[in-house]
PDB file of N, CA and C in Angstrom:
ATOM      1  N   MET A   1      24.089  30.443 193.140  1.00  0.00           N
ATOM      2  CA  MET A   1      24.900  29.405 193.723  1.00  0.00           C
ATOM      3  C   MET A   1      25.936  28.979 192.691  1.00  0.00           C
ATOM      4  N   ILE A   2      27.117  28.678 193.124  1.00  0.00           N
ATOM      5  CA  ILE A   2      28.202  28.320 192.226  1.00  0.00           C
ATOM      6  C   ILE A   2      28.611  26.882 192.509  1.00  0.00           C
ATOM      7  N   ALA A   3      28.620  26.055 191.488  1.00  0.00           N
ATOM      8  CA  ALA A   3      28.956  24.641 191.636  1.00  0.00           C
ATOM      9  C   ALA A   3      30.404  24.413 191.233  1.00  0.00           C
ATOM     10  N   GLY A   4      31.245  24.035 192.187  1.00  0.00           N
ATOM     11  CA  GLY A   4      32.624  23.691 191.891  1.00  0.00           C
ATOM     12  C   GLY A   4      33.409  24.751 191.148  1.00  0.00           C
ATOM     13  N   ASN A   5      33.329  25.989 191.584  1.00  0.00           N
ATOM     14  CA  ASN A   5      34.052  27.112 190.984  1.00  0.00           C
ATOM     15  C   ASN A   5      33.603  27.447 189.565  1.00  0.00           C
ATOM     16  N   VAL A   6      32.527  26.851 189.095  1.00  0.00           N
ATOM     17  CA  VAL A   6      31.989  27.167 187.782  1.00  0.00           C
ATOM     18  C   VAL A   6      30.637  27.824 187.992  1.00  0.00           C
ATOM     19  N   SER A   7      30.447  28.972 187.366  1.00  0.00           N
ATOM     20  CA  SER A   7      29.152  29.628 187.432  1.00  0.00           C
ATOM     21  C   SER A   7      28.786  30.087 186.033  1.00  0.00           C
ATOM     22  N   TYR A   8      27.518  30.309 185.838  1.00  0.00           N
ATOM     23  CA  TYR A   8      27.032  30.683 184.525  1.00  0.00           C
ATOM     24  C   TYR A   8      26.299  32.012 184.604  1.00  0.00           C
ATOM     25  N   PHE A   9      26.186  32.666 183.474  1.00  0.00           N
ATOM     26  CA  PHE A   9      25.751  34.034 183.296  1.00  0.00           C
ATOM     27  C   PHE A   9      24.318  34.073 182.768  1.00  0.00           C
ATOM     28  N   CYS A  10      23.454  34.876 183.392  1.00  0.00           N
ATOM     29  CA  CYS A  10      22.097  35.069 182.879  1.00  0.00           C
ATOM     30  C   CYS A  10      22.144  36.054 181.714  1.00  0.00           C
ATOM     31  N   PRO A  11      21.663  35.664 180.531  1.00  0.00           N
ATOM     32  CA  PRO A  11      21.701  36.567 179.386  1.00  0.00           C
ATOM     33  C   PRO A  11      20.681  37.703 179.462  1.00  0.00           C
ATOM     34  N   VAL A  12      19.766  37.647 180.417  1.00  0.00           N
ATOM     35  CA  VAL A  12      18.762  38.699 180.560  1.00  0.00           C
ATOM     36  C   VAL A  12      19.260  39.812 181.469  1.00  0.00           C
ATOM     37  N   CYS A  13      19.690  39.459 182.693  1.00  0.00           N
ATOM     38  CA  CYS A  13      20.045  40.491 183.675  1.00  0.00           C
ATOM     39  C   CYS A  13      21.533  40.551 184.001  1.00  0.00           C
ATOM     40  N   GLY A  14      22.309  39.571 183.550  1.00  0.00           N
ATOM     41  CA  GLY A  14      23.746  39.599 183.800  1.00  0.00           C
ATOM     42  C   GLY A  14      24.197  38.926 185.070  1.00  0.00           C
ATOM     43  N   TYR A  15      23.283  38.341 185.824  1.00  0.00           N
ATOM     44  CA  TYR A  15      23.657  37.683 187.075  1.00  0.00           C
ATOM     45  C   TYR A  15      24.634  36.549 186.795  1.00  0.00           C
ATOM     46  N   VAL A  16      25.751  36.556 187.525  1.00  0.00           N
ATOM     47  CA  VAL A  16      26.739  35.488 187.431  1.00  0.00           C
ATOM     48  C   VAL A  16      26.591  34.643 188.686  1.00  0.00           C
ATOM     49  N   GLY A  17      26.249  33.394 188.524  1.00  0.00           N
ATOM     50  CA  GLY A  17      26.064  32.525 189.671  1.00  0.00           C
ATOM     51  C   GLY A  17      25.043  31.431 189.419  1.00  0.00           C
ATOM     52  N   LEU A  18      24.605  31.281 188.170  1.00  0.00           N
ATOM     53  CA  LEU A  18      23.689  30.191 187.852  1.00  0.00           C
ATOM     54  C   LEU A  18      24.430  28.868 187.977  1.00  0.00           C
ATOM     55  N   GLU A  19      23.774  27.852 188.544  1.00  0.00           N
ATOM     56  CA  GLU A  19      24.396  26.534 188.701  1.00  0.00           C
ATOM     57  C   GLU A  19      24.584  25.831 187.370  1.00  0.00           C
ATOM     58  N   ASP A  20      23.650  26.026 186.455  1.00  0.00           N
ATOM     59  CA  ASP A  20      23.694  25.376 185.151  1.00  0.00           C
ATOM     60  C   ASP A  20      23.669  26.438 184.066  1.00  0.00           C
ATOM     61  N   PRO A  21      24.247  26.134 182.903  1.00  0.00           N
ATOM     62  CA  PRO A  21      24.147  27.099 181.807  1.00  0.00           C
ATOM     63  C   PRO A  21      22.689  27.225 181.372  1.00  0.00           C
ATOM     64  N   PRO A  22      22.250  28.411 180.965  1.00  0.00           N
ATOM     65  CA  PRO A  22      20.872  28.564 180.508  1.00  0.00           C
ATOM     66  C   PRO A  22      20.545  27.619 179.345  1.00  0.00           C
ATOM     67  N   TYR A  23      21.531  27.387 178.480  1.00  0.00           N
ATOM     68  CA  TYR A  23      21.378  26.500 177.327  1.00  0.00           C
ATOM     69  C   TYR A  23      22.620  25.644 177.195  1.00  0.00           C
ATOM     70  N   ASP A  24      22.441  24.418 176.713  1.00  0.00           N
ATOM     71  CA  ASP A  24      23.601  23.555 176.514  1.00  0.00           C
ATOM     72  C   ASP A  24      24.236  23.831 175.147  1.00  0.00           C
ATOM     73  N   ASP A  25      25.226  23.038 174.789  1.00  0.00           N
ATOM     74  CA  ASP A  25      25.985  23.261 173.557  1.00  0.00           C
ATOM     75  C   ASP A  25      25.157  23.126 172.284  1.00  0.00           C
ATOM     76  N   VAL A  26      24.046  22.426 172.353  1.00  0.00           N
ATOM     77  CA  VAL A  26      23.202  22.266 171.169  1.00  0.00           C
ATOM     78  C   VAL A  26      21.942  23.127 171.226  1.00  0.00           C
ATOM     79  N   GLY A  27      21.843  23.991 172.237  1.00  0.00           N
ATOM     80  CA  GLY A  27      20.746  24.941 172.325  1.00  0.00           C
ATOM     81  C   GLY A  27      19.540  24.512 173.132  1.00  0.00           C
ATOM     82  N   CYS A  28      19.622  23.367 173.803  1.00  0.00           N
ATOM     83  CA  CYS A  28      18.515  22.935 174.662  1.00  0.00           C
ATOM     84  C   CYS A  28      18.544  23.721 175.969  1.00  0.00           C
ATOM     85  N   SER A  29      17.390  24.204 176.378  1.00  0.00           N
ATOM     86  CA  SER A  29      17.342  25.032 177.586  1.00  0.00           C
ATOM     87  C   SER A  29      17.386  24.184 178.845  1.00  0.00           C
ATOM     88  N   SER A  30      17.859  24.812 179.910  1.00  0.00           N
ATOM     89  CA  SER A  30      17.939  24.139 181.211  1.00  0.00           C
ATOM     90  C   SER A  30      16.609  24.181 181.957  1.00  0.00           C
ATOM     91  N   PHE A  31      15.729  25.101 181.586  1.00  0.00           N
ATOM     92  CA  PHE A  31      14.489  25.388 182.296  1.00  0.00           C
ATOM     93  C   PHE A  31      14.755  25.851 183.729  1.00  0.00           C
ATOM     94  N   GLY A  32      16.010  26.232 183.999  1.00  0.00           N
ATOM     95  CA  GLY A  32      16.351  26.827 185.283  1.00  0.00           C
ATOM     96  C   GLY A  32      15.785  28.233 185.369  1.00  0.00           C
ATOM     97  N   ILE A  33      15.724  28.753 186.578  1.00  0.00           N
ATOM     98  CA  ILE A  33      15.193  30.095 186.804  1.00  0.00           C
ATOM     99  C   ILE A  33      16.287  30.955 187.408  1.00  0.00           C
ATOM    100  N   CYS A  34      16.515  32.123 186.831  1.00  0.00           N
ATOM    101  CA  CYS A  34      17.496  33.057 187.370  1.00  0.00           C
ATOM    102  C   CYS A  34      16.951  33.642 188.671  1.00  0.00           C
ATOM    103  N   PRO A  35      17.705  33.540 189.769  1.00  0.00           N
ATOM    104  CA  PRO A  35      17.210  34.085 191.031  1.00  0.00           C
ATOM    105  C   PRO A  35      17.194  35.607 191.058  1.00  0.00           C
ATOM    106  N   SER A  36      17.924  36.235 190.150  1.00  0.00           N
ATOM    107  CA  SER A  36      17.975  37.689 190.126  1.00  0.00           C
ATOM    108  C   SER A  36      16.756  38.287 189.429  1.00  0.00           C
ATOM    109  N   CYS A  37      16.497  37.883 188.184  1.00  0.00           N
ATOM    110  CA  CYS A  37      15.407  38.504 187.424  1.00  0.00           C
ATOM    111  C   CYS A  37      14.175  37.624 187.268  1.00  0.00           C
ATOM    112  N   GLY A  38      14.291  36.330 187.580  1.00  0.00           N
ATOM    113  CA  GLY A  38      13.150  35.435 187.512  1.00  0.00           C
ATOM    114  C   GLY A  38      12.884  34.820 186.152  1.00  0.00           C
ATOM    115  N   THR A  39      13.760  35.046 185.180  1.00  0.00           N
ATOM    116  CA  THR A  39      13.573  34.448 183.861  1.00  0.00           C
ATOM    117  C   THR A  39      13.746  32.937 183.937  1.00  0.00           C
ATOM    118  N   GLN A  40      12.808  32.197 183.363  1.00  0.00           N
ATOM    119  CA  GLN A  40      12.953  30.749 183.252  1.00  0.00           C
ATOM    120  C   GLN A  40      13.386  30.448 181.821  1.00  0.00           C
ATOM    121  N   PHE A  41      14.593  29.904 181.695  1.00  0.00           N
ATOM    122  CA  PHE A  41      15.169  29.636 180.385  1.00  0.00           C
ATOM    123  C   PHE A  41      14.394  28.526 179.687  1.00  0.00           C
ATOM    124  N   GLY A  42      13.992  28.804 178.438  1.00  0.00           N
ATOM    125  CA  GLY A  42      13.210  27.851 177.679  1.00  0.00           C
ATOM    126  C   GLY A  42      11.716  28.066 177.821  1.00  0.00           C
ATOM    127  N   TYR A  43      11.319  28.957 178.722  1.00  0.00           N
ATOM    128  CA  TYR A  43       9.899  29.265 178.893  1.00  0.00           C
ATOM    129  C   TYR A  43       9.659  30.750 178.631  1.00  0.00           C
ATOM    130  N   ASP A  44      10.135  31.607 179.547  1.00  0.00           N
ATOM    131  CA  ASP A  44       9.927  33.051 179.370  1.00  0.00           C
ATOM    132  C   ASP A  44      10.574  33.557 178.093  1.00  0.00           C
ATOM    133  N   ASP A  45      11.770  33.069 177.806  1.00  0.00           N
ATOM    134  CA  ASP A  45      12.495  33.579 176.654  1.00  0.00           C
ATOM    135  C   ASP A  45      12.080  32.903 175.349  1.00  0.00           C
ATOM    136  N   ALA A  46      11.125  31.975 175.401  1.00  0.00           N
ATOM    137  CA  ALA A  46      10.631  31.343 174.179  1.00  0.00           C
ATOM    138  C   ALA A  46       9.759  32.308 173.381  1.00  0.00           C
ATOM    139  N   THR A  47       9.105  33.223 174.071  1.00  0.00           N
ATOM    140  CA  THR A  47       8.213  34.163 173.392  1.00  0.00           C
ATOM    141  C   THR A  47       8.691  35.609 173.472  1.00  0.00           C
ATOM    142  N   SER A  48       9.689  35.881 174.271  1.00  0.00           N
ATOM    143  CA  SER A  48      10.200  37.243 174.426  1.00  0.00           C
ATOM    144  C   SER A  48      11.709  37.248 174.239  1.00  0.00           C
ATOM    145  N   ALA A  49      12.194  38.279 173.609  1.00  0.00           N
ATOM    146  CA  ALA A  49      13.634  38.442 173.445  1.00  0.00           C
ATOM    147  C   ALA A  49      14.251  38.867 174.772  1.00  0.00           C
ATOM    148  N   TYR A  50      15.544  38.589 174.925  1.00  0.00           N
ATOM    149  CA  TYR A  50      16.244  38.981 176.153  1.00  0.00           C
ATOM    150  C   TYR A  50      16.062  40.466 176.440  1.00  0.00           C
ATOM    151  N   ALA A  51      16.146  41.291 175.407  1.00  0.00           N
ATOM    152  CA  ALA A  51      16.020  42.737 175.608  1.00  0.00           C
ATOM    153  C   ALA A  51      14.646  43.101 176.167  1.00  0.00           C
ATOM    154  N   ASP A  52      13.602  42.418 175.704  1.00  0.00           N
ATOM    155  CA  ASP A  52      12.249  42.681 176.219  1.00  0.00           C
ATOM    156  C   ASP A  52      12.136  42.278 177.683  1.00  0.00           C
ATOM    157  N   LEU A  53      12.684  41.101 178.015  1.00  0.00           N
ATOM    158  CA  LEU A  53      12.662  40.647 179.407  1.00  0.00           C
ATOM    159  C   LEU A  53      13.489  41.572 180.289  1.00  0.00           C
ATOM    160  N   ARG A  54      14.610  42.058 179.759  1.00  0.00           N
ATOM    161  CA  ARG A  54      15.467  42.986 180.504  1.00  0.00           C
ATOM    162  C   ARG A  54      14.714  44.279 180.792  1.00  0.00           C
ATOM    163  N   ARG A  55      14.034  44.828 179.768  1.00  0.00           N
ATOM    164  CA  ARG A  55      13.257  46.067 179.965  1.00  0.00           C
ATOM    165  C   ARG A  55      12.165  45.869 181.015  1.00  0.00           C
ATOM    166  N   LEU A  56      11.518  44.711 181.003  1.00  0.00           N
ATOM    167  CA  LEU A  56      10.479  44.419 181.994  1.00  0.00           C
ATOM    168  C   LEU A  56      11.067  44.391 183.400  1.00  0.00           C
ATOM    169  N   TRP A  57      12.209  43.720 183.573  1.00  0.00           N
ATOM    170  CA  TRP A  57      12.876  43.644 184.882  1.00  0.00           C
ATOM    171  C   TRP A  57      13.267  45.046 185.355  1.00  0.00           C
ATOM    172  N   ILE A  58      13.803  45.861 184.448  1.00  0.00           N
ATOM    173  CA  ILE A  58      14.186  47.238 184.789  1.00  0.00           C
ATOM    174  C   ILE A  58      12.949  48.042 185.190  1.00  0.00           C
ATOM    175  N   SER A  59      11.864  47.900 184.427  1.00  0.00           N
ATOM    176  CA  SER A  59      10.650  48.673 184.717  1.00  0.00           C
ATOM    177  C   SER A  59      10.044  48.322 186.073  1.00  0.00           C
ATOM    178  N   LYS A  60      10.345  47.118 186.563  1.00  0.00           N
ATOM    179  CA  LYS A  60       9.850  46.696 187.876  1.00  0.00           C
ATOM    180  C   LYS A  60      10.835  47.036 188.990  1.00  0.00           C
ATOM    181  N   GLY A  61      11.872  47.788 188.672  1.00  0.00           N
ATOM    182  CA  GLY A  61      12.797  48.273 189.690  1.00  0.00           C
ATOM    183  C   GLY A  61      14.033  47.423 189.918  1.00  0.00           C
ATOM    184  N   MET A  62      14.296  46.436 189.051  1.00  0.00           N
ATOM    185  CA  MET A  62      15.484  45.575 189.159  1.00  0.00           C
ATOM    186  C   MET A  62      15.600  44.934 190.536  1.00  0.00           C
ATOM    187  N   LEU A  63      14.476  44.509 191.089  1.00  0.00           N
ATOM    188  CA  LEU A  63      14.463  43.881 192.408  1.00  0.00           C
ATOM    189  C   LEU A  63      14.960  42.447 192.319  1.00  0.00           C
ATOM    190  N   TRP A  64      15.548  41.962 193.411  1.00  0.00           N
ATOM    191  CA  TRP A  64      15.961  40.554 193.492  1.00  0.00           C
ATOM    192  C   TRP A  64      14.693  39.719 193.465  1.00  0.00           C
ATOM    193  N   TRP A  65      14.601  38.771 192.572  1.00  0.00           N
ATOM    194  CA  TRP A  65      13.372  38.024 192.342  1.00  0.00           C
ATOM    195  C   TRP A  65      13.149  36.887 193.341  1.00  0.00           C
ATOM    196  N   SER A  66      14.173  36.108 193.639  1.00  0.00           N
ATOM    197  CA  SER A  66      14.014  34.890 194.435  1.00  0.00           C
ATOM    198  C   SER A  66      13.650  35.186 195.884  1.00  0.00           C
ATOM    199  N   LYS A  67      12.653  34.468 196.371  1.00  0.00           N
ATOM    200  CA  LYS A  67      12.303  34.542 197.794  1.00  0.00           C
ATOM    201  C   LYS A  67      13.056  33.474 198.580  1.00  0.00           C
ATOM    202  N   ALA A  68      13.464  32.392 197.900  1.00  0.00           N
ATOM    203  CA  ALA A  68      14.154  31.276 198.553  1.00  0.00           C
ATOM    204  C   ALA A  68      15.660  31.484 198.659  1.00  0.00           C
ATOM    205  N   GLN A  69      16.227  32.227 197.740  1.00  0.00           N
ATOM    206  CA  GLN A  69      17.675  32.462 197.718  1.00  0.00           C
ATOM    207  C   GLN A  69      17.934  33.949 197.916  1.00  0.00           C
ATOM    208  N   ALA A  70      18.667  34.285 198.951  1.00  0.00           N
ATOM    209  CA  ALA A  70      18.982  35.692 199.229  1.00  0.00           C
ATOM    210  C   ALA A  70      19.957  36.227 198.186  1.00  0.00           C
ATOM    211  N   SER A  71      19.883  37.521 197.946  1.00  0.00           N
ATOM    212  CA  SER A  71      20.840  38.129 197.020  1.00  0.00           C
ATOM    213  C   SER A  71      22.240  38.047 197.616  1.00  0.00           C
ATOM    214  N   PRO A  72      23.261  37.948 196.762  1.00  0.00           N
ATOM    215  CA  PRO A  72      24.633  37.894 197.264  1.00  0.00           C
ATOM    216  C   PRO A  72      24.985  39.173 198.025  1.00  0.00           C
ATOM    217  N   SER A  73      25.882  39.045 198.963  1.00  0.00           N
ATOM    218  CA  SER A  73      26.353  40.205 199.715  1.00  0.00           C
ATOM    219  C   SER A  73      26.933  41.228 198.742  1.00  0.00           C
ATOM    220  N   GLY A  74      26.491  42.458 198.851  1.00  0.00           N
ATOM    221  CA  GLY A  74      26.992  43.514 197.974  1.00  0.00           C
ATOM    222  C   GLY A  74      26.393  43.494 196.578  1.00  0.00           C
ATOM    223  N   TRP A  75      25.310  42.753 196.392  1.00  0.00           N
ATOM    224  CA  TRP A  75      24.689  42.642 195.069  1.00  0.00           C
ATOM    225  C   TRP A  75      24.304  44.016 194.554  1.00  0.00           C
ATOM    226  N   ASP A  76      24.686  44.306 193.321  1.00  0.00           N
ATOM    227  CA  ASP A  76      24.428  45.605 192.706  1.00  0.00           C
ATOM    228  C   ASP A  76      23.793  45.378 191.335  1.00  0.00           C
ATOM    229  N   PRO A  77      22.470  45.507 191.223  1.00  0.00           N
ATOM    230  CA  PRO A  77      21.821  45.236 189.944  1.00  0.00           C
ATOM    231  C   PRO A  77      22.236  46.199 188.836  1.00  0.00           C
ATOM    232  N   VAL A  78      22.593  47.414 189.171  1.00  0.00           N
ATOM    233  CA  VAL A  78      23.027  48.373 188.151  1.00  0.00           C
ATOM    234  C   VAL A  78      24.349  47.918 187.542  1.00  0.00           C
ATOM    235  N   ARG A  79      25.292  47.533 188.386  1.00  0.00           N
ATOM    236  CA  ARG A  79      26.591  47.044 187.903  1.00  0.00           C
ATOM    237  C   ARG A  79      26.403  45.764 187.088  1.00  0.00           C
ATOM    238  N   GLN A  80      25.547  44.889 187.576  1.00  0.00           N
ATOM    239  CA  GLN A  80      25.246  43.636 186.886  1.00  0.00           C
ATOM    240  C   GLN A  80      24.664  43.922 185.506  1.00  0.00           C
ATOM    241  N   LEU A  81      23.740  44.846 185.431  1.00  0.00           N
ATOM    242  CA  LEU A  81      23.100  45.204 184.171  1.00  0.00           C
ATOM    243  C   LEU A  81      24.093  45.846 183.210  1.00  0.00           C
ATOM    244  N   GLN A  82      24.948  46.720 183.713  1.00  0.00           N
ATOM    245  CA  GLN A  82      25.962  47.341 182.864  1.00  0.00           C
ATOM    246  C   GLN A  82      26.866  46.286 182.247  1.00  0.00           C
ATOM    247  N   ALA A  83      27.187  45.261 183.020  1.00  0.00           N
ATOM    248  CA  ALA A  83      28.057  44.194 182.523  1.00  0.00           C
ATOM    249  C   ALA A  83      27.382  43.403 181.408  1.00  0.00           C
ATOM    250  N   VAL A  84      26.105  43.057 181.586  1.00  0.00           N
ATOM    251  CA  VAL A  84      25.420  42.276 180.546  1.00  0.00           C
ATOM    252  C   VAL A  84      25.256  43.103 179.281  1.00  0.00           C
ATOM    253  N   GLU A  85      25.034  44.388 179.412  1.00  0.00           N
ATOM    254  CA  GLU A  85      24.889  45.239 178.237  1.00  0.00           C
ATOM    255  C   GLU A  85      26.208  45.398 177.486  1.00  0.00           C
ATOM    256  N   LYS A  86      27.321  45.260 178.201  1.00  0.00           N
ATOM    257  CA  LYS A  86      28.643  45.312 177.568  1.00  0.00           C
ATOM    258  C   LYS A  86      29.106  43.927 177.132  1.00  0.00           C
ATOM    259  N   GLY A  87      28.367  42.891 177.547  1.00  0.00           N
ATOM    260  CA  GLY A  87      28.719  41.529 177.176  1.00  0.00           C
ATOM    261  C   GLY A  87      29.866  40.941 177.966  1.00  0.00           C
ATOM    262  N   ILE A  88      30.021  41.395 179.229  1.00  0.00           N
ATOM    263  CA  ILE A  88      31.090  40.856 180.066  1.00  0.00           C
ATOM    264  C   ILE A  88      30.498  40.221 181.310  1.00  0.00           C
ATOM    265  N   ASN A  89      31.250  39.318 181.917  1.00  0.00           N
ATOM    266  CA  ASN A  89      30.840  38.677 183.167  1.00  0.00           C
ATOM    267  C   ASN A  89      31.485  39.398 184.335  1.00  0.00           C
ATOM    268  N   VAL A  90      30.715  39.665 185.368  1.00  0.00           N
ATOM    269  CA  VAL A  90      31.269  40.243 186.593  1.00  0.00           C
ATOM    270  C   VAL A  90      30.799  39.421 187.769  1.00  0.00           C
ATOM    271  N   ARG A  91      31.585  39.398 188.792  1.00  0.00           N
ATOM    272  CA  ARG A  91      31.184  38.735 190.038  1.00  0.00           C
ATOM    273  C   ARG A  91      30.743  39.818 191.003  1.00  0.00           C
ATOM    274  N   THR A  92      29.690  39.508 191.759  1.00  0.00           N
ATOM    275  CA  THR A  92      29.222  40.466 192.759  1.00  0.00           C
ATOM    276  C   THR A  92      29.859  40.164 194.081  1.00  0.00           C
TER     277      THR A  92
END
């Protein structure tokens, strides 16, 4: 979901569309959950590096995680993943 034309990027799977930034300017986590990969910022990533969480998501088939929020029309997890690995933001 995008709030007022501003969206944020998941550092694990590359999903662009988080309502809040995963972390604020001083590093405090939002405890939000990415609807794409299911990472909860400040919880899952407290004990695992982004790369480890990314490998886990890939090993499970890069499926859309959220049951409450449908994937965006035309959602492409491969394209999304390529973007995060290159460090760029893409819109689906």
